[in-house]
N, C-alpha and C. Protein backbone atom coordinates (compact mmCIF):
# COMPACT_ATOMS: atom_id res chain seq x y z
N UNK A 1 26.96 -42.18 6.50
CA UNK A 1 27.52 -42.67 5.70
C UNK A 1 28.13 -41.86 4.53
N UNK A 2 27.31 -40.73 4.08
CA UNK A 2 27.68 -39.80 3.01
C UNK A 2 28.84 -39.01 3.82
N UNK A 3 28.49 -38.42 5.03
CA UNK A 3 29.64 -37.73 5.83
C UNK A 3 30.92 -38.53 5.80
N UNK A 4 30.75 -40.03 6.14
CA UNK A 4 32.10 -40.63 6.09
C UNK A 4 32.85 -40.71 4.57
N UNK A 5 32.15 -40.64 3.63
CA UNK A 5 32.70 -40.66 2.25
C UNK A 5 33.37 -39.37 1.97
N UNK A 6 32.55 -38.37 2.23
CA UNK A 6 33.17 -36.98 2.09
C UNK A 6 34.38 -36.62 3.16
N UNK A 7 34.30 -37.18 4.10
CA UNK A 7 35.46 -36.88 5.14
C UNK A 7 36.56 -37.60 4.80
N UNK A 8 36.40 -38.87 3.83
CA UNK A 8 37.59 -39.63 3.44
C UNK A 8 38.12 -39.07 2.23
N UNK A 9 37.30 -38.28 1.41
CA UNK A 9 37.66 -37.67 0.22
C UNK A 9 38.50 -36.56 0.41
N UNK A 10 38.41 -36.00 1.71
CA UNK A 10 38.91 -34.76 1.85
C UNK A 10 39.97 -34.86 2.87
N UNK A 11 40.50 -36.04 3.13
CA UNK A 11 41.34 -36.32 4.34
C UNK A 11 42.73 -36.18 3.64
N UNK A 12 43.69 -35.79 4.57
CA UNK A 12 44.98 -35.63 4.15
C UNK A 12 45.77 -36.84 3.81
N UNK A 13 45.19 -38.15 4.38
CA UNK A 13 45.87 -39.38 3.85
C UNK A 13 45.67 -39.54 2.52
N UNK A 14 44.48 -39.48 2.14
CA UNK A 14 44.18 -39.67 0.60
C UNK A 14 44.92 -38.75 -0.26
N UNK A 15 45.22 -37.39 0.04
CA UNK A 15 45.96 -36.49 -0.57
C UNK A 15 47.45 -37.05 -0.79
N UNK A 16 47.95 -37.31 0.51
CA UNK A 16 49.35 -37.80 0.55
C UNK A 16 49.42 -39.13 -0.24
N UNK A 17 48.57 -40.19 -0.34
CA UNK A 17 48.59 -41.19 -1.13
C UNK A 17 48.43 -40.93 -2.76
N UNK A 18 47.82 -40.02 -3.02
CA UNK A 18 47.41 -39.67 -4.48
C UNK A 18 48.50 -38.70 -5.11
N UNK A 19 49.33 -37.97 -4.26
CA UNK A 19 50.18 -37.10 -4.62
C UNK A 19 51.23 -37.60 -5.72
N UNK A 20 51.85 -38.88 -5.50
CA UNK A 20 52.85 -39.38 -6.43
C UNK A 20 52.14 -39.78 -7.73
N UNK A 21 50.88 -40.08 -7.67
CA UNK A 21 50.32 -40.46 -9.02
C UNK A 21 49.77 -38.99 -9.48
N UNK A 22 49.49 -38.01 -9.18
CA UNK A 22 49.42 -36.72 -9.60
C UNK A 22 50.60 -36.23 -10.38
N UNK A 23 51.68 -36.31 -9.63
CA UNK A 23 52.87 -36.07 -10.37
C UNK A 23 53.25 -36.96 -11.58
N UNK A 24 53.07 -38.20 -11.46
CA UNK A 24 53.32 -39.00 -12.58
C UNK A 24 52.52 -38.69 -13.66
N UNK A 25 51.16 -38.46 -13.27
CA UNK A 25 50.30 -37.99 -14.58
C UNK A 25 50.50 -36.85 -15.14
N UNK A 26 51.10 -35.90 -14.35
CA UNK A 26 51.34 -34.54 -14.99
C UNK A 26 52.70 -34.85 -15.85
N UNK A 27 53.83 -35.57 -15.46
CA UNK A 27 54.91 -35.83 -16.26
C UNK A 27 54.45 -36.41 -17.59
N UNK A 28 53.64 -37.51 -17.53
CA UNK A 28 53.48 -38.33 -18.53
C UNK A 28 52.44 -37.49 -19.50
N UNK A 29 51.72 -36.60 -19.20
CA UNK A 29 50.93 -35.54 -19.92
C UNK A 29 51.81 -34.62 -20.72
N UNK A 30 52.71 -34.13 -20.03
CA UNK A 30 53.65 -33.35 -20.77
C UNK A 30 54.62 -33.92 -21.73
N UNK A 31 54.73 -35.26 -21.44
CA UNK A 31 55.70 -36.00 -22.44
C UNK A 31 54.91 -36.15 -23.60
N UNK A 32 53.46 -36.50 -23.47
CA UNK A 32 52.60 -36.89 -24.49
C UNK A 32 52.47 -35.60 -25.42
N UNK A 33 52.48 -34.37 -24.79
CA UNK A 33 52.44 -33.15 -25.38
C UNK A 33 53.52 -32.79 -26.38
N UNK A 34 54.82 -32.97 -25.65
CA UNK A 34 55.96 -33.19 -26.42
C UNK A 34 56.03 -33.95 -27.60
N UNK A 35 55.58 -35.19 -27.42
CA UNK A 35 55.73 -36.24 -28.45
C UNK A 35 54.82 -35.79 -29.65
N UNK A 36 53.52 -35.22 -29.23
CA UNK A 36 52.75 -34.66 -30.50
C UNK A 36 53.31 -33.57 -31.18
N UNK A 37 53.92 -32.63 -30.72
CA UNK A 37 54.49 -31.70 -31.32
C UNK A 37 55.68 -32.04 -32.19
N UNK A 38 56.47 -32.98 -31.58
CA UNK A 38 57.64 -33.57 -32.33
C UNK A 38 57.21 -34.25 -33.71
N UNK A 39 56.00 -35.07 -33.53
CA UNK A 39 55.46 -35.77 -34.55
C UNK A 39 55.06 -34.68 -35.68
N UNK A 40 54.31 -33.80 -35.35
CA UNK A 40 53.84 -32.81 -36.13
C UNK A 40 54.86 -32.21 -36.92
N UNK A 41 55.99 -31.59 -36.10
CA UNK A 41 57.13 -31.02 -36.83
C UNK A 41 57.89 -32.15 -37.63
N UNK A 42 58.31 -33.32 -37.42
CA UNK A 42 58.79 -34.31 -38.08
C UNK A 42 57.96 -34.59 -39.56
N UNK A 43 56.73 -34.74 -39.42
CA UNK A 43 55.84 -34.97 -40.51
C UNK A 43 55.69 -33.60 -41.39
N UNK A 44 55.92 -32.49 -40.77
CA UNK A 44 55.67 -31.30 -41.54
C UNK A 44 54.61 -30.68 -41.52
N UNK A 45 53.62 -31.11 -40.63
CA UNK A 45 52.31 -30.44 -40.44
C UNK A 45 52.43 -28.90 -40.09
N UNK A 46 53.26 -28.73 -39.04
CA UNK A 46 53.33 -27.33 -38.65
C UNK A 46 54.38 -26.60 -39.31
N UNK A 47 54.73 -27.08 -40.48
CA UNK A 47 55.96 -26.19 -41.23
C UNK A 47 55.12 -25.69 -42.74
N UNK A 48 55.70 -25.18 -43.49
CA UNK A 48 55.29 -24.52 -44.82
C UNK A 48 53.96 -23.78 -44.54
N UNK A 49 52.83 -24.17 -44.83
CA UNK A 49 51.73 -23.14 -44.88
C UNK A 49 51.54 -22.54 -43.42
N UNK A 50 51.53 -23.25 -42.41
CA UNK A 50 51.35 -22.80 -41.23
C UNK A 50 52.52 -21.73 -40.53
N UNK A 51 53.88 -22.42 -41.16
CA UNK A 51 54.75 -21.36 -40.74
C UNK A 51 54.90 -20.04 -41.47
N UNK A 52 54.34 -20.16 -42.68
CA UNK A 52 54.27 -18.88 -43.62
C UNK A 52 53.32 -17.96 -42.93
N UNK A 53 52.08 -18.59 -42.43
CA UNK A 53 51.09 -17.72 -42.06
C UNK A 53 51.35 -17.06 -40.62
N UNK A 54 52.18 -17.88 -39.81
CA UNK A 54 52.47 -17.39 -38.47
C UNK A 54 53.60 -16.24 -38.87
N UNK A 55 54.62 -16.34 -39.92
CA UNK A 55 55.55 -15.36 -40.01
C UNK A 55 54.86 -14.02 -40.69
N UNK A 56 53.82 -14.26 -41.62
CA UNK A 56 53.21 -13.36 -41.91
C UNK A 56 52.39 -12.49 -40.98
N UNK A 57 51.80 -12.92 -40.06
CA UNK A 57 51.01 -12.41 -38.78
C UNK A 57 52.11 -11.67 -38.00
N UNK A 58 53.31 -12.47 -37.69
CA UNK A 58 54.21 -11.82 -36.88
C UNK A 58 55.06 -10.47 -37.38
N UNK A 59 54.90 -10.48 -38.54
CA UNK A 59 55.79 -9.39 -39.41
C UNK A 59 55.21 -7.88 -39.30
N UNK A 60 54.00 -7.86 -38.74
CA UNK A 60 53.09 -6.82 -38.54
C UNK A 60 53.48 -5.89 -39.80
N UNK A 61 53.39 -6.38 -41.01
CA UNK A 61 53.02 -5.51 -42.34
C UNK A 61 51.89 -5.81 -42.79
N UNK A 62 51.41 -4.82 -43.52
CA UNK A 62 50.17 -4.96 -44.09
C UNK A 62 50.00 -6.23 -45.03
N UNK A 63 48.94 -6.93 -44.77
CA UNK A 63 48.92 -7.83 -45.50
C UNK A 63 48.19 -7.76 -47.05
N UNK A 64 49.27 -8.31 -47.85
CA UNK A 64 48.97 -8.24 -49.34
C UNK A 64 48.74 -9.35 -50.04
N UNK A 65 47.72 -9.81 -50.11
CA UNK A 65 47.62 -11.45 -50.71
C UNK A 65 48.40 -11.39 -52.09
N UNK A 66 48.17 -10.54 -52.78
CA UNK A 66 48.51 -10.46 -54.23
C UNK A 66 50.12 -10.54 -54.24
N UNK A 67 50.83 -9.88 -53.23
CA UNK A 67 52.34 -9.89 -53.34
C UNK A 67 52.92 -11.32 -52.74
N UNK A 68 51.96 -11.98 -51.69
CA UNK A 68 52.49 -13.16 -51.23
C UNK A 68 52.26 -14.19 -52.33
N UNK A 69 51.25 -14.01 -53.03
CA UNK A 69 50.99 -15.13 -54.11
C UNK A 69 52.28 -14.96 -55.15
N UNK A 70 52.57 -13.74 -55.42
CA UNK A 70 53.82 -13.48 -56.46
C UNK A 70 54.89 -14.29 -55.94
N UNK A 71 55.25 -14.03 -54.56
CA UNK A 71 56.44 -14.65 -54.02
C UNK A 71 56.41 -16.12 -54.09
N UNK A 72 54.96 -16.77 -53.82
CA UNK A 72 54.92 -18.16 -53.82
C UNK A 72 54.93 -18.63 -55.46
N UNK A 73 54.78 -17.99 -56.26
CA UNK A 73 54.78 -18.46 -57.79
C UNK A 73 56.41 -18.43 -58.30
N UNK A 74 57.05 -17.64 -57.58
CA UNK A 74 58.44 -17.65 -57.62
C UNK A 74 59.24 -18.72 -57.14
N UNK A 75 58.71 -19.11 -55.82
CA UNK A 75 59.15 -20.26 -55.07
C UNK A 75 58.71 -21.48 -55.95
N UNK A 76 57.78 -21.51 -56.53
CA UNK A 76 57.42 -22.75 -57.25
C UNK A 76 58.38 -22.96 -58.64
N UNK A 77 58.67 -21.84 -59.27
CA UNK A 77 59.56 -21.77 -60.38
C UNK A 77 60.97 -22.58 -59.67
N UNK A 78 61.46 -22.03 -58.47
CA UNK A 78 62.73 -22.42 -58.06
C UNK A 78 62.55 -23.82 -57.79
N UNK A 79 61.57 -24.51 -57.53
CA UNK A 79 61.54 -25.87 -57.15
C UNK A 79 61.47 -26.59 -58.48
N UNK A 80 61.18 -26.04 -59.60
CA UNK A 80 61.17 -26.51 -60.92
C UNK A 80 62.71 -26.69 -61.31
N UNK A 81 63.33 -25.54 -60.96
CA UNK A 81 64.67 -25.75 -61.35
C UNK A 81 65.58 -26.65 -60.68
N UNK A 82 64.98 -27.07 -59.48
CA UNK A 82 65.89 -28.02 -58.44
C UNK A 82 65.24 -29.30 -58.73
N UNK A 83 64.17 -29.40 -59.72
CA UNK A 83 63.87 -30.77 -60.29
C UNK A 83 63.09 -31.50 -58.97
N UNK A 84 62.37 -30.79 -58.19
CA UNK A 84 61.58 -31.09 -57.35
C UNK A 84 60.03 -31.00 -57.69
N UNK A 85 59.68 -31.91 -58.91
CA UNK A 85 58.64 -31.62 -59.54
C UNK A 85 57.24 -32.02 -58.68
N UNK A 86 56.98 -32.94 -57.81
CA UNK A 86 56.01 -33.23 -57.34
C UNK A 86 55.62 -31.98 -56.14
N UNK A 87 56.36 -31.65 -55.64
CA UNK A 87 56.38 -30.58 -54.63
C UNK A 87 55.75 -29.30 -55.49
N UNK A 88 56.53 -29.12 -56.55
CA UNK A 88 56.01 -27.92 -57.40
C UNK A 88 54.58 -27.91 -57.92
N UNK A 89 54.31 -29.16 -58.30
CA UNK A 89 52.86 -29.44 -58.64
C UNK A 89 51.84 -29.28 -57.74
N UNK A 90 52.21 -29.72 -56.41
CA UNK A 90 51.17 -29.51 -55.21
C UNK A 90 51.21 -28.08 -54.71
N UNK A 91 52.26 -27.39 -54.96
CA UNK A 91 52.34 -26.03 -54.58
C UNK A 91 51.65 -25.25 -55.65
N UNK A 92 51.58 -25.55 -56.98
CA UNK A 92 50.90 -24.97 -58.03
C UNK A 92 49.27 -25.02 -57.57
N UNK A 93 48.81 -26.38 -57.24
CA UNK A 93 47.59 -26.68 -56.95
C UNK A 93 46.96 -25.74 -55.74
N UNK A 94 47.93 -25.46 -54.66
CA UNK A 94 47.54 -24.62 -53.64
C UNK A 94 47.56 -23.42 -53.87
N UNK A 95 48.23 -22.78 -54.61
CA UNK A 95 48.57 -21.37 -55.18
C UNK A 95 47.40 -21.05 -56.04
N UNK A 96 46.92 -21.89 -56.89
CA UNK A 96 45.69 -21.73 -57.49
C UNK A 96 44.30 -21.52 -56.76
N UNK A 97 44.41 -22.57 -55.80
CA UNK A 97 43.22 -22.47 -54.90
C UNK A 97 43.15 -21.29 -54.11
N UNK A 98 44.23 -20.87 -53.77
CA UNK A 98 44.12 -19.65 -52.95
C UNK A 98 43.88 -18.32 -53.77
N UNK A 99 44.26 -18.41 -54.86
CA UNK A 99 44.38 -17.23 -55.92
C UNK A 99 42.82 -17.12 -56.41
N UNK A 100 42.21 -18.41 -56.55
CA UNK A 100 40.73 -18.42 -56.97
C UNK A 100 39.89 -18.07 -55.78
N UNK A 101 40.33 -18.44 -54.56
CA UNK A 101 39.52 -18.10 -53.16
C UNK A 101 39.60 -16.38 -53.10
N UNK A 102 40.79 -15.97 -53.37
CA UNK A 102 40.79 -14.53 -53.26
C UNK A 102 39.93 -13.77 -54.18
N UNK A 103 39.63 -14.51 -55.33
CA UNK A 103 38.94 -13.70 -56.14
C UNK A 103 37.37 -14.02 -56.15
N UNK A 104 37.09 -14.79 -55.15
CA UNK A 104 35.71 -15.01 -54.51
C UNK A 104 35.13 -16.49 -55.48
N UNK A 105 35.92 -17.07 -55.91
CA UNK A 105 35.32 -18.28 -56.79
C UNK A 105 34.99 -19.37 -55.67
N UNK A 106 33.85 -20.12 -55.83
CA UNK A 106 33.68 -21.08 -54.95
C UNK A 106 33.65 -22.39 -55.41
N UNK A 107 33.92 -23.31 -54.62
CA UNK A 107 34.30 -24.78 -55.02
C UNK A 107 34.72 -25.63 -54.17
N UNK A 108 34.34 -26.89 -54.13
CA UNK A 108 35.15 -27.84 -53.19
C UNK A 108 36.41 -28.11 -53.18
N UNK A 109 36.95 -28.30 -54.54
CA UNK A 109 38.38 -28.50 -54.84
C UNK A 109 38.82 -27.63 -56.07
N UNK A 110 39.83 -27.94 -56.52
CA UNK A 110 40.50 -26.90 -57.52
C UNK A 110 39.53 -27.28 -58.91
N UNK A 111 39.34 -28.39 -59.17
CA UNK A 111 38.46 -28.68 -60.41
C UNK A 111 37.33 -27.80 -60.12
N UNK A 112 36.50 -27.93 -59.28
CA UNK A 112 35.22 -27.14 -59.41
C UNK A 112 35.58 -25.83 -59.27
N UNK A 113 36.50 -25.33 -58.69
CA UNK A 113 36.86 -23.88 -58.80
C UNK A 113 37.22 -23.41 -60.21
N UNK A 114 37.94 -24.32 -60.84
CA UNK A 114 38.37 -23.78 -62.25
C UNK A 114 36.93 -23.76 -63.12
N UNK A 115 36.19 -24.66 -62.77
CA UNK A 115 35.01 -24.86 -63.61
C UNK A 115 34.00 -23.44 -63.30
N UNK A 116 34.19 -22.94 -62.37
CA UNK A 116 33.45 -21.66 -61.87
C UNK A 116 34.10 -20.45 -61.96
N UNK A 117 35.16 -20.56 -62.58
CA UNK A 117 35.99 -19.24 -62.94
C UNK A 117 36.23 -18.88 -64.33
N UNK A 118 36.90 -18.01 -64.59
CA UNK A 118 37.32 -17.33 -65.98
C UNK A 118 38.29 -17.98 -66.58
N UNK A 119 38.89 -19.11 -66.02
CA UNK A 119 40.17 -19.73 -66.39
C UNK A 119 39.95 -21.13 -66.88
N UNK A 120 38.73 -21.40 -66.87
CA UNK A 120 38.24 -22.77 -67.18
C UNK A 120 38.79 -23.09 -68.77
N UNK A 121 38.91 -22.07 -69.64
CA UNK A 121 39.21 -22.47 -70.87
C UNK A 121 40.73 -22.44 -71.12
N UNK A 122 41.46 -22.49 -70.27
CA UNK A 122 43.00 -22.47 -70.24
C UNK A 122 43.26 -24.08 -70.40
N UNK A 123 44.03 -24.24 -71.54
CA UNK A 123 44.38 -25.65 -71.91
C UNK A 123 45.29 -26.24 -70.93
N UNK A 124 45.13 -27.49 -70.35
CA UNK A 124 45.94 -28.07 -69.41
C UNK A 124 45.93 -27.74 -67.83
N UNK A 125 44.85 -26.87 -67.50
CA UNK A 125 44.92 -26.13 -66.30
C UNK A 125 44.14 -27.19 -65.20
N UNK A 126 43.20 -28.03 -65.84
CA UNK A 126 42.64 -28.80 -65.06
C UNK A 126 43.47 -30.27 -64.69
N UNK A 127 44.55 -30.39 -65.63
CA UNK A 127 45.49 -31.29 -65.33
C UNK A 127 46.26 -31.34 -64.10
N UNK A 128 46.37 -30.01 -63.62
CA UNK A 128 47.20 -29.66 -62.54
C UNK A 128 46.49 -30.46 -61.46
N UNK A 129 45.18 -30.10 -61.30
CA UNK A 129 44.53 -30.83 -60.26
C UNK A 129 44.38 -32.49 -60.34
N UNK A 130 44.32 -33.06 -61.59
CA UNK A 130 44.32 -34.40 -61.69
C UNK A 130 45.80 -34.86 -61.33
N UNK A 131 46.67 -34.42 -61.74
CA UNK A 131 48.19 -34.75 -61.35
C UNK A 131 48.48 -34.80 -60.10
N UNK A 132 47.93 -33.64 -59.33
CA UNK A 132 47.94 -33.38 -57.97
C UNK A 132 47.37 -34.32 -57.07
N UNK A 133 46.30 -34.69 -57.33
CA UNK A 133 45.55 -35.84 -56.64
C UNK A 133 46.22 -37.06 -56.73
N UNK A 134 46.70 -37.47 -57.87
CA UNK A 134 47.55 -38.71 -58.04
C UNK A 134 48.60 -38.79 -57.30
N UNK A 135 49.41 -37.49 -57.14
CA UNK A 135 50.54 -37.44 -56.32
C UNK A 135 50.14 -37.67 -54.93
N UNK A 136 49.11 -37.07 -54.48
CA UNK A 136 48.58 -37.02 -53.00
C UNK A 136 48.49 -38.38 -52.61
N UNK A 137 47.86 -39.22 -53.55
CA UNK A 137 47.19 -40.74 -53.40
C UNK A 137 48.48 -41.79 -53.30
N UNK A 138 49.55 -41.06 -53.66
CA UNK A 138 50.83 -42.02 -53.66
C UNK A 138 51.09 -42.66 -54.94
N UNK A 139 50.33 -42.43 -56.05
CA UNK A 139 50.65 -43.19 -57.15
C UNK A 139 52.02 -42.64 -57.77
N UNK A 140 52.57 -43.44 -58.43
CA UNK A 140 53.91 -43.01 -58.83
C UNK A 140 53.85 -42.14 -60.13
N UNK A 141 53.35 -41.10 -60.22
CA UNK A 141 53.04 -40.24 -61.31
C UNK A 141 54.53 -39.65 -61.91
N UNK A 142 54.74 -40.17 -63.16
CA UNK A 142 56.19 -39.71 -63.67
C UNK A 142 55.96 -38.56 -64.77
N UNK A 143 56.47 -37.42 -64.52
CA UNK A 143 56.36 -36.47 -65.61
C UNK A 143 57.53 -36.25 -66.51
N UNK A 144 57.33 -35.83 -67.67
CA UNK A 144 58.32 -35.58 -68.48
C UNK A 144 58.62 -34.04 -68.48
N UNK A 145 59.60 -33.48 -68.90
CA UNK A 145 59.70 -32.09 -68.86
C UNK A 145 58.77 -31.15 -69.85
N UNK A 146 58.47 -31.86 -70.96
CA UNK A 146 57.48 -31.07 -71.90
C UNK A 146 55.94 -31.21 -71.13
N UNK A 147 55.55 -32.10 -70.52
CA UNK A 147 54.42 -31.93 -69.63
C UNK A 147 54.26 -30.84 -68.68
N UNK A 148 55.54 -30.99 -67.67
CA UNK A 148 55.71 -30.14 -66.71
C UNK A 148 55.78 -28.55 -67.16
N UNK A 149 56.30 -28.35 -68.19
CA UNK A 149 56.52 -26.96 -68.85
C UNK A 149 55.05 -26.69 -69.23
N UNK A 150 54.33 -27.49 -69.76
CA UNK A 150 52.81 -27.20 -70.10
C UNK A 150 52.17 -26.87 -68.81
N UNK A 151 52.38 -27.61 -68.11
CA UNK A 151 51.58 -27.38 -66.70
C UNK A 151 51.88 -26.11 -65.96
N UNK A 152 53.24 -25.89 -65.98
CA UNK A 152 53.79 -24.52 -65.40
C UNK A 152 53.28 -23.38 -66.33
N UNK A 153 53.32 -23.52 -67.60
CA UNK A 153 52.74 -22.28 -68.52
C UNK A 153 51.25 -22.20 -68.24
N UNK A 154 50.48 -23.24 -68.23
CA UNK A 154 48.86 -23.09 -67.81
C UNK A 154 48.85 -22.34 -66.46
N UNK A 155 49.66 -22.74 -65.57
CA UNK A 155 49.33 -22.11 -64.12
C UNK A 155 49.75 -20.74 -64.14
N UNK A 156 50.74 -20.38 -65.06
CA UNK A 156 51.20 -18.93 -65.21
C UNK A 156 50.15 -18.10 -65.94
N UNK A 157 49.50 -18.71 -66.88
CA UNK A 157 48.64 -18.10 -67.78
C UNK A 157 47.25 -17.87 -66.92
N UNK A 158 46.98 -18.69 -66.02
CA UNK A 158 45.81 -18.57 -64.98
C UNK A 158 46.09 -17.58 -64.10
N UNK A 159 47.55 -17.26 -63.50
CA UNK A 159 47.67 -16.35 -62.61
C UNK A 159 47.71 -14.78 -63.22
N UNK A 160 48.00 -14.92 -64.54
CA UNK A 160 48.09 -13.70 -65.27
C UNK A 160 46.69 -13.13 -65.41
N UNK A 161 45.65 -14.16 -65.84
CA UNK A 161 44.16 -13.92 -65.90
C UNK A 161 43.65 -13.32 -64.57
N UNK A 162 44.21 -14.15 -63.58
CA UNK A 162 43.69 -13.70 -62.15
C UNK A 162 44.13 -12.46 -61.64
N UNK A 163 45.22 -11.83 -62.47
CA UNK A 163 45.73 -10.60 -61.91
C UNK A 163 46.64 -10.69 -60.99
N UNK A 164 47.37 -11.96 -60.76
CA UNK A 164 48.39 -12.03 -59.72
C UNK A 164 49.79 -11.88 -60.17
N UNK A 165 50.06 -12.08 -61.26
CA UNK A 165 51.20 -11.70 -61.72
C UNK A 165 51.05 -11.04 -63.05
N UNK A 166 52.23 -10.46 -63.47
CA UNK A 166 52.12 -9.56 -64.82
C UNK A 166 52.82 -9.98 -65.86
């Protein structure tokens, strides 16, 4: 009985019968892989931070985190000039997290990292975390120019204290 089952599984008739299904499965699998990549690119998951890291890796230049953080700080100011405030605040939060991690500060989120660092006494620095969280949650947080300038000044002061910018 077992010999009959093994002989059937190894038979050329079964292979010929299953061959079109194998080809179909392969085509569907490849289509799903392309659909996943298309979705990630469309959503922006593979862009921005991932793209920057890949470009840094492929550039074969010496990795200088301070220089990279300076460039990102300039990019944030360009977003402010184009009035893309929400993106600028999210980028400020990400920049501060990375700068604090580079300095060895521990914490689960930006708020905890600020509490554990030397920049905790900067006025308004914790507001960056609060507003960024509200933006991420989809709440329609509206900033006026005065608030935004205070946030940017706080971020700039923090980066100066962390010796990222001069």
